[in-house]
Amino acid sequence: WTGPYRVSKVFPYGAIEIWSEKYGNFKVNGHRLKHYITGDPIIGASCYKLSNPSPLFSEIHEKSS
């Protein structure tokens, strides 16, 4: 089963449901999947800039551990 496929759902413990026009949806072991890189742009993606947590958050996290 060669791709490309779209990931439609990720399950606990590494199982992944993928989709293709030819085969529809089916589950696979996530460790068996390989990245498929193509020149087509990703439509509808979002990019978020993450920053370091504030010192207050770090203090609260340390106290709860």
PDB file of N, CA and C in Angstrom:
ATOM      1  N   TRP A   1       0.840  -1.172   0.000  1.00  0.00           N
ATOM      2  CA  TRP A   1       0.000   0.000   0.000  1.00  0.00           C
ATOM      3  C   TRP A   1       0.883   1.233   0.000  1.00  0.00           C
ATOM      4  N   THR A   2       1.059   1.786  -1.181  1.00  0.00           N
ATOM      5  CA  THR A   2       1.860   2.995  -1.322  1.00  0.00           C
ATOM      6  C   THR A   2       0.946   4.202  -1.413  1.00  0.00           C
ATOM      7  N   GLY A   3       1.447   5.362  -1.010  1.00  0.00           N
ATOM      8  CA  GLY A   3       0.632   6.567  -0.832  1.00  0.00           C
ATOM      9  C   GLY A   3       0.637   7.479  -2.021  1.00  0.00           C
ATOM     10  N   PRO A   4       0.190   8.655  -1.856  1.00  0.00           N
ATOM     11  CA  PRO A   4       0.003   9.327  -0.570  1.00  0.00           C
ATOM     12  C   PRO A   4      -1.352   9.007   0.078  1.00  0.00           C
ATOM     13  N   TYR A   5      -1.381   9.108   1.387  1.00  0.00           N
ATOM     14  CA  TYR A   5      -2.588   8.947   2.183  1.00  0.00           C
ATOM     15  C   TYR A   5      -2.743  10.168   3.072  1.00  0.00           C
ATOM     16  N   ARG A   6      -3.942  10.401   3.550  1.00  0.00           N
ATOM     17  CA  ARG A   6      -4.203  11.463   4.517  1.00  0.00           C
ATOM     18  C   ARG A   6      -4.495  10.826   5.856  1.00  0.00           C
ATOM     19  N   VAL A   7      -3.935  11.397   6.905  1.00  0.00           N
ATOM     20  CA  VAL A   7      -4.220  10.915   8.257  1.00  0.00           C
ATOM     21  C   VAL A   7      -5.593  11.439   8.640  1.00  0.00           C
ATOM     22  N   SER A   8      -6.514  10.542   8.959  1.00  0.00           N
ATOM     23  CA  SER A   8      -7.862  10.977   9.323  1.00  0.00           C
ATOM     24  C   SER A   8      -8.112  10.897  10.823  1.00  0.00           C
ATOM     25  N   LYS A   9      -7.379  10.020  11.539  1.00  0.00           N
ATOM     26  CA  LYS A   9      -7.577   9.916  12.988  1.00  0.00           C
ATOM     27  C   LYS A   9      -6.365   9.244  13.613  1.00  0.00           C
ATOM     28  N   VAL A  10      -5.984   9.710  14.808  1.00  0.00           N
ATOM     29  CA  VAL A  10      -4.876   9.109  15.546  1.00  0.00           C
ATOM     30  C   VAL A  10      -5.450   8.495  16.820  1.00  0.00           C
ATOM     31  N   PHE A  11      -5.173   7.230  17.034  1.00  0.00           N
ATOM     32  CA  PHE A  11      -5.678   6.495  18.190  1.00  0.00           C
ATOM     33  C   PHE A  11      -4.575   6.338  19.233  1.00  0.00           C
ATOM     34  N   PRO A  12      -4.956   6.051  20.486  1.00  0.00           N
ATOM     35  CA  PRO A  12      -3.936   5.785  21.511  1.00  0.00           C
ATOM     36  C   PRO A  12      -3.104   4.554  21.126  1.00  0.00           C
ATOM     37  N   TYR A  13      -1.912   4.484  21.657  1.00  0.00           N
ATOM     38  CA  TYR A  13      -1.014   3.335  21.498  1.00  0.00           C
ATOM     39  C   TYR A  13      -0.479   3.169  20.070  1.00  0.00           C
ATOM     40  N   GLY A  14      -0.488   4.244  19.261  1.00  0.00           N
ATOM     41  CA  GLY A  14       0.194   4.213  17.983  1.00  0.00           C
ATOM     42  C   GLY A  14      -0.610   3.842  16.752  1.00  0.00           C
ATOM     43  N   ALA A  15      -1.863   3.486  16.899  1.00  0.00           N
ATOM     44  CA  ALA A  15      -2.682   3.167  15.726  1.00  0.00           C
ATOM     45  C   ALA A  15      -3.104   4.463  15.037  1.00  0.00           C
ATOM     46  N   ILE A  16      -3.113   4.451  13.700  1.00  0.00           N
ATOM     47  CA  ILE A  16      -3.486   5.627  12.921  1.00  0.00           C
ATOM     48  C   ILE A  16      -4.446   5.196  11.821  1.00  0.00           C
ATOM     49  N   GLU A  17      -5.514   5.965  11.650  1.00  0.00           N
ATOM     50  CA  GLU A  17      -6.441   5.717  10.552  1.00  0.00           C
ATOM     51  C   GLU A  17      -6.043   6.637   9.399  1.00  0.00           C
ATOM     52  N   ILE A  18      -5.830   6.048   8.230  1.00  0.00           N
ATOM     53  CA  ILE A  18      -5.457   6.836   7.061  1.00  0.00           C
ATOM     54  C   ILE A  18      -6.513   6.670   5.977  1.00  0.00           C
ATOM     55  N   TRP A  19      -6.507   7.598   4.994  1.00  0.00           N
ATOM     56  CA  TRP A  19      -7.513   7.608   3.933  1.00  0.00           C
ATOM     57  C   TRP A  19      -6.854   7.804   2.585  1.00  0.00           C
ATOM     58  N   SER A  20      -7.388   7.134   1.580  1.00  0.00           N
ATOM     59  CA  SER A  20      -6.993   7.380   0.193  1.00  0.00           C
ATOM     60  C   SER A  20      -8.239   7.272  -0.677  1.00  0.00           C
ATOM     61  N   GLU A  21      -8.186   7.881  -1.848  1.00  0.00           N
ATOM     62  CA  GLU A  21      -9.325   7.804  -2.765  1.00  0.00           C
ATOM     63  C   GLU A  21      -9.558   6.365  -3.218  1.00  0.00           C
ATOM     64  N   LYS A  22      -8.497   5.620  -3.401  1.00  0.00           N
ATOM     65  CA  LYS A  22      -8.612   4.254  -3.921  1.00  0.00           C
ATOM     66  C   LYS A  22      -9.137   3.256  -2.884  1.00  0.00           C
ATOM     67  N   TYR A  23      -8.652   3.362  -1.609  1.00  0.00           N
ATOM     68  CA  TYR A  23      -8.975   2.361  -0.587  1.00  0.00           C
ATOM     69  C   TYR A  23      -9.911   2.847   0.509  1.00  0.00           C
ATOM     70  N   GLY A  24     -10.143   4.150   0.626  1.00  0.00           N
ATOM     71  CA  GLY A  24     -10.981   4.676   1.700  1.00  0.00           C
ATOM     72  C   GLY A  24     -10.199   4.717   3.010  1.00  0.00           C
ATOM     73  N   ASN A  25     -10.898   4.579   4.152  1.00  0.00           N
ATOM     74  CA  ASN A  25     -10.267   4.600   5.473  1.00  0.00           C
ATOM     75  C   ASN A  25      -9.840   3.213   5.914  1.00  0.00           C
ATOM     76  N   PHE A  26      -8.658   3.131   6.550  1.00  0.00           N
ATOM     77  CA  PHE A  26      -8.259   1.905   7.230  1.00  0.00           C
ATOM     78  C   PHE A  26      -7.185   2.218   8.260  1.00  0.00           C
ATOM     79  N   LYS A  27      -7.074   1.349   9.261  1.00  0.00           N
ATOM     80  CA  LYS A  27      -6.136   1.552  10.367  1.00  0.00           C
ATOM     81  C   LYS A  27      -4.811   0.859  10.081  1.00  0.00           C
ATOM     82  N   VAL A  28      -3.730   1.523  10.516  1.00  0.00           N
ATOM     83  CA  VAL A  28      -2.395   0.956  10.370  1.00  0.00           C
ATOM     84  C   VAL A  28      -1.596   1.226  11.642  1.00  0.00           C
ATOM     85  N   ASN A  29      -0.498   0.501  11.786  1.00  0.00           N
ATOM     86  CA  ASN A  29       0.440   0.759  12.865  1.00  0.00           C
ATOM     87  C   ASN A  29       1.194   2.035  12.500  1.00  0.00           C
ATOM     88  N   GLY A  30       1.155   3.046  13.359  1.00  0.00           N
ATOM     89  CA  GLY A  30       1.797   4.318  13.075  1.00  0.00           C
ATOM     90  C   GLY A  30       3.289   4.225  12.866  1.00  0.00           C
ATOM     91  N   HIS A  31       3.927   3.202  13.418  1.00  0.00           N
ATOM     92  CA  HIS A  31       5.370   3.024  13.260  1.00  0.00           C
ATOM     93  C   HIS A  31       5.730   2.601  11.840  1.00  0.00           C
ATOM     94  N   ARG A  32       4.748   2.128  11.080  1.00  0.00           N
ATOM     95  CA  ARG A  32       5.003   1.666   9.714  1.00  0.00           C
ATOM     96  C   ARG A  32       4.884   2.792   8.682  1.00  0.00           C
ATOM     97  N   LEU A  33       4.349   3.953   9.094  1.00  0.00           N
ATOM     98  CA  LEU A  33       4.143   5.055   8.154  1.00  0.00           C
ATOM     99  C   LEU A  33       5.438   5.817   7.913  1.00  0.00           C
ATOM    100  N   LYS A  34       5.585   6.312   6.709  1.00  0.00           N
ATOM    101  CA  LYS A  34       6.720   7.151   6.345  1.00  0.00           C
ATOM    102  C   LYS A  34       6.182   8.486   5.857  1.00  0.00           C
ATOM    103  N   HIS A  35       6.959   9.536   6.034  1.00  0.00           N
ATOM    104  CA  HIS A  35       6.558  10.849   5.536  1.00  0.00           C
ATOM    105  C   HIS A  35       6.522  10.832   4.016  1.00  0.00           C
ATOM    106  N   TYR A  36       5.523  11.461   3.449  1.00  0.00           N
ATOM    107  CA  TYR A  36       5.415  11.598   2.001  1.00  0.00           C
ATOM    108  C   TYR A  36       5.541  13.082   1.698  1.00  0.00           C
ATOM    109  N   ILE A  37       6.641  13.472   1.082  1.00  0.00           N
ATOM    110  CA  ILE A  37       6.900  14.883   0.833  1.00  0.00           C
ATOM    111  C   ILE A  37       6.610  15.175  -0.627  1.00  0.00           C
ATOM    112  N   THR A  38       5.817  16.198  -0.849  1.00  0.00           N
ATOM    113  CA  THR A  38       5.447  16.594  -2.203  1.00  0.00           C
ATOM    114  C   THR A  38       5.582  18.100  -2.325  1.00  0.00           C
ATOM    115  N   GLY A  39       5.562  18.609  -3.529  1.00  0.00           N
ATOM    116  CA  GLY A  39       5.698  20.038  -3.741  1.00  0.00           C
ATOM    117  C   GLY A  39       4.400  20.801  -3.585  1.00  0.00           C
ATOM    118  N   ASP A  40       3.292  20.102  -3.398  1.00  0.00           N
ATOM    119  CA  ASP A  40       2.004  20.776  -3.262  1.00  0.00           C
ATOM    120  C   ASP A  40       1.910  21.502  -1.931  1.00  0.00           C
ATOM    121  N   PRO A  41       1.353  22.707  -1.911  1.00  0.00           N
ATOM    122  CA  PRO A  41       1.218  23.433  -0.639  1.00  0.00           C
ATOM    123  C   PRO A  41       0.157  22.792   0.249  1.00  0.00           C
ATOM    124  N   ILE A  42       0.307  22.967   1.527  1.00  0.00           N
ATOM    125  CA  ILE A  42      -0.674  22.480   2.497  1.00  0.00           C
ATOM    126  C   ILE A  42      -1.720  23.576   2.662  1.00  0.00           C
ATOM    127  N   ILE A  43      -2.954  23.259   2.345  1.00  0.00           N
ATOM    128  CA  ILE A  43      -4.035  24.247   2.400  1.00  0.00           C
ATOM    129  C   ILE A  43      -4.736  24.147   3.753  1.00  0.00           C
ATOM    130  N   GLY A  44      -5.001  25.284   4.355  1.00  0.00           N
ATOM    131  CA  GLY A  44      -5.732  25.314   5.605  1.00  0.00           C
ATOM    132  C   GLY A  44      -4.872  25.069   6.836  1.00  0.00           C
ATOM    133  N   ALA A  45      -3.567  25.127   6.703  1.00  0.00           N
ATOM    134  CA  ALA A  45      -2.687  24.914   7.852  1.00  0.00           C
ATOM    135  C   ALA A  45      -2.568  26.207   8.656  1.00  0.00           C
ATOM    136  N   SER A  46      -2.295  26.069   9.924  1.00  0.00           N
ATOM    137  CA  SER A  46      -2.091  27.222  10.805  1.00  0.00           C
ATOM    138  C   SER A  46      -0.714  27.144  11.416  1.00  0.00           C
ATOM    139  N   CYS A  47      -0.131  28.286  11.662  1.00  0.00           N
ATOM    140  CA  CYS A  47       1.185  28.359  12.283  1.00  0.00           C
ATOM    141  C   CYS A  47       1.059  29.183  13.550  1.00  0.00           C
ATOM    142  N   TYR A  48       1.539  28.657  14.661  1.00  0.00           N
ATOM    143  CA  TYR A  48       1.474  29.353  15.940  1.00  0.00           C
ATOM    144  C   TYR A  48       2.872  29.525  16.485  1.00  0.00           C
ATOM    145  N   LYS A  49       3.181  30.719  16.930  1.00  0.00           N
ATOM    146  CA  LYS A  49       4.469  30.969  17.546  1.00  0.00           C
ATOM    147  C   LYS A  49       4.344  30.676  19.041  1.00  0.00           C
ATOM    148  N   LEU A  50       5.177  29.765  19.523  1.00  0.00           N
ATOM    149  CA  LEU A  50       5.152  29.396  20.933  1.00  0.00           C
ATOM    150  C   LEU A  50       6.288  30.106  21.651  1.00  0.00           C
ATOM    151  N   SER A  51       6.021  30.498  22.854  1.00  0.00           N
ATOM    152  CA  SER A  51       7.059  31.163  23.635  1.00  0.00           C
ATOM    153  C   SER A  51       7.308  30.362  24.910  1.00  0.00           C
ATOM    154  N   ASN A  52       8.379  30.690  25.592  1.00  0.00           N
ATOM    155  CA  ASN A  52       8.671  30.029  26.861  1.00  0.00           C
ATOM    156  C   ASN A  52       7.620  30.419  27.888  1.00  0.00           C
ATOM    157  N   PRO A  53       7.255  29.496  28.779  1.00  0.00           N
ATOM    158  CA  PRO A  53       6.280  29.845  29.817  1.00  0.00           C
ATOM    159  C   PRO A  53       6.854  30.900  30.753  1.00  0.00           C
ATOM    160  N   SER A  54       5.979  31.647  31.342  1.00  0.00           N
ATOM    161  CA  SER A  54       6.415  32.697  32.261  1.00  0.00           C
ATOM    162  C   SER A  54       7.045  32.073  33.502  1.00  0.00           C
ATOM    163  N   PRO A  55       7.866  32.838  34.239  1.00  0.00           N
ATOM    164  CA  PRO A  55       8.464  32.314  35.481  1.00  0.00           C
ATOM    165  C   PRO A  55       7.409  31.871  36.491  1.00  0.00           C
ATOM    166  N   LEU A  56       6.268  32.546  36.518  1.00  0.00           N
ATOM    167  CA  LEU A  56       5.201  32.171  37.442  1.00  0.00           C
ATOM    168  C   LEU A  56       4.704  30.763  37.134  1.00  0.00           C
ATOM    169  N   PHE A  57       4.523  30.438  35.863  1.00  0.00           N
ATOM    170  CA  PHE A  57       4.075  29.102  35.478  1.00  0.00           C
ATOM    171  C   PHE A  57       5.079  28.059  35.922  1.00  0.00           C
ATOM    172  N   SER A  58       6.379  28.341  35.734  1.00  0.00           N
ATOM    173  CA  SER A  58       7.424  27.393  36.140  1.00  0.00           C
ATOM    174  C   SER A  58       7.389  27.132  37.644  1.00  0.00           C
ATOM    175  N   GLU A  59       7.171  28.177  38.432  1.00  0.00           N
ATOM    176  CA  GLU A  59       7.102  28.020  39.901  1.00  0.00           C
ATOM    177  C   GLU A  59       5.899  27.167  40.295  1.00  0.00           C
ATOM    178  N   ILE A  60       4.761  27.417  39.690  1.00  0.00           N
ATOM    179  CA  ILE A  60       3.552  26.642  40.006  1.00  0.00           C
ATOM    180  C   ILE A  60       3.754  25.184  39.625  1.00  0.00           C
ATOM    181  N   HIS A  61       4.347  24.934  38.458  1.00  0.00           N
ATOM    182  CA  HIS A  61       4.576  23.566  37.991  1.00  0.00           C
ATOM    183  C   HIS A  61       5.529  22.816  38.932  1.00  0.00           C
ATOM    184  N   GLU A  62       6.579  23.488  39.392  1.00  0.00           N
ATOM    185  CA  GLU A  62       7.549  22.850  40.289  1.00  0.00           C
ATOM    186  C   GLU A  62       6.907  22.488  41.621  1.00  0.00           C
ATOM    187  N   LYS A  63       6.034  23.356  42.129  1.00  0.00           N
ATOM    188  CA  LYS A  63       5.382  23.112  43.422  1.00  0.00           C
ATOM    189  C   LYS A  63       4.396  21.940  43.343  1.00  0.00           C
ATOM    190  N   SER A  64       3.762  21.751  42.182  1.00  0.00           N
ATOM    191  CA  SER A  64       2.795  20.671  42.056  1.00  0.00           C
ATOM    192  C   SER A  64       3.444  19.327  41.799  1.00  0.00           C
ATOM    193  N   SER A  65       4.715  19.293  41.450  1.00  0.00           N
ATOM    194  CA  SER A  65       5.403  18.028  41.155  1.00  0.00           C
ATOM    195  C   SER A  65       5.844  17.308  42.401  1.00  0.00           C
TER     196      SER A  65
END
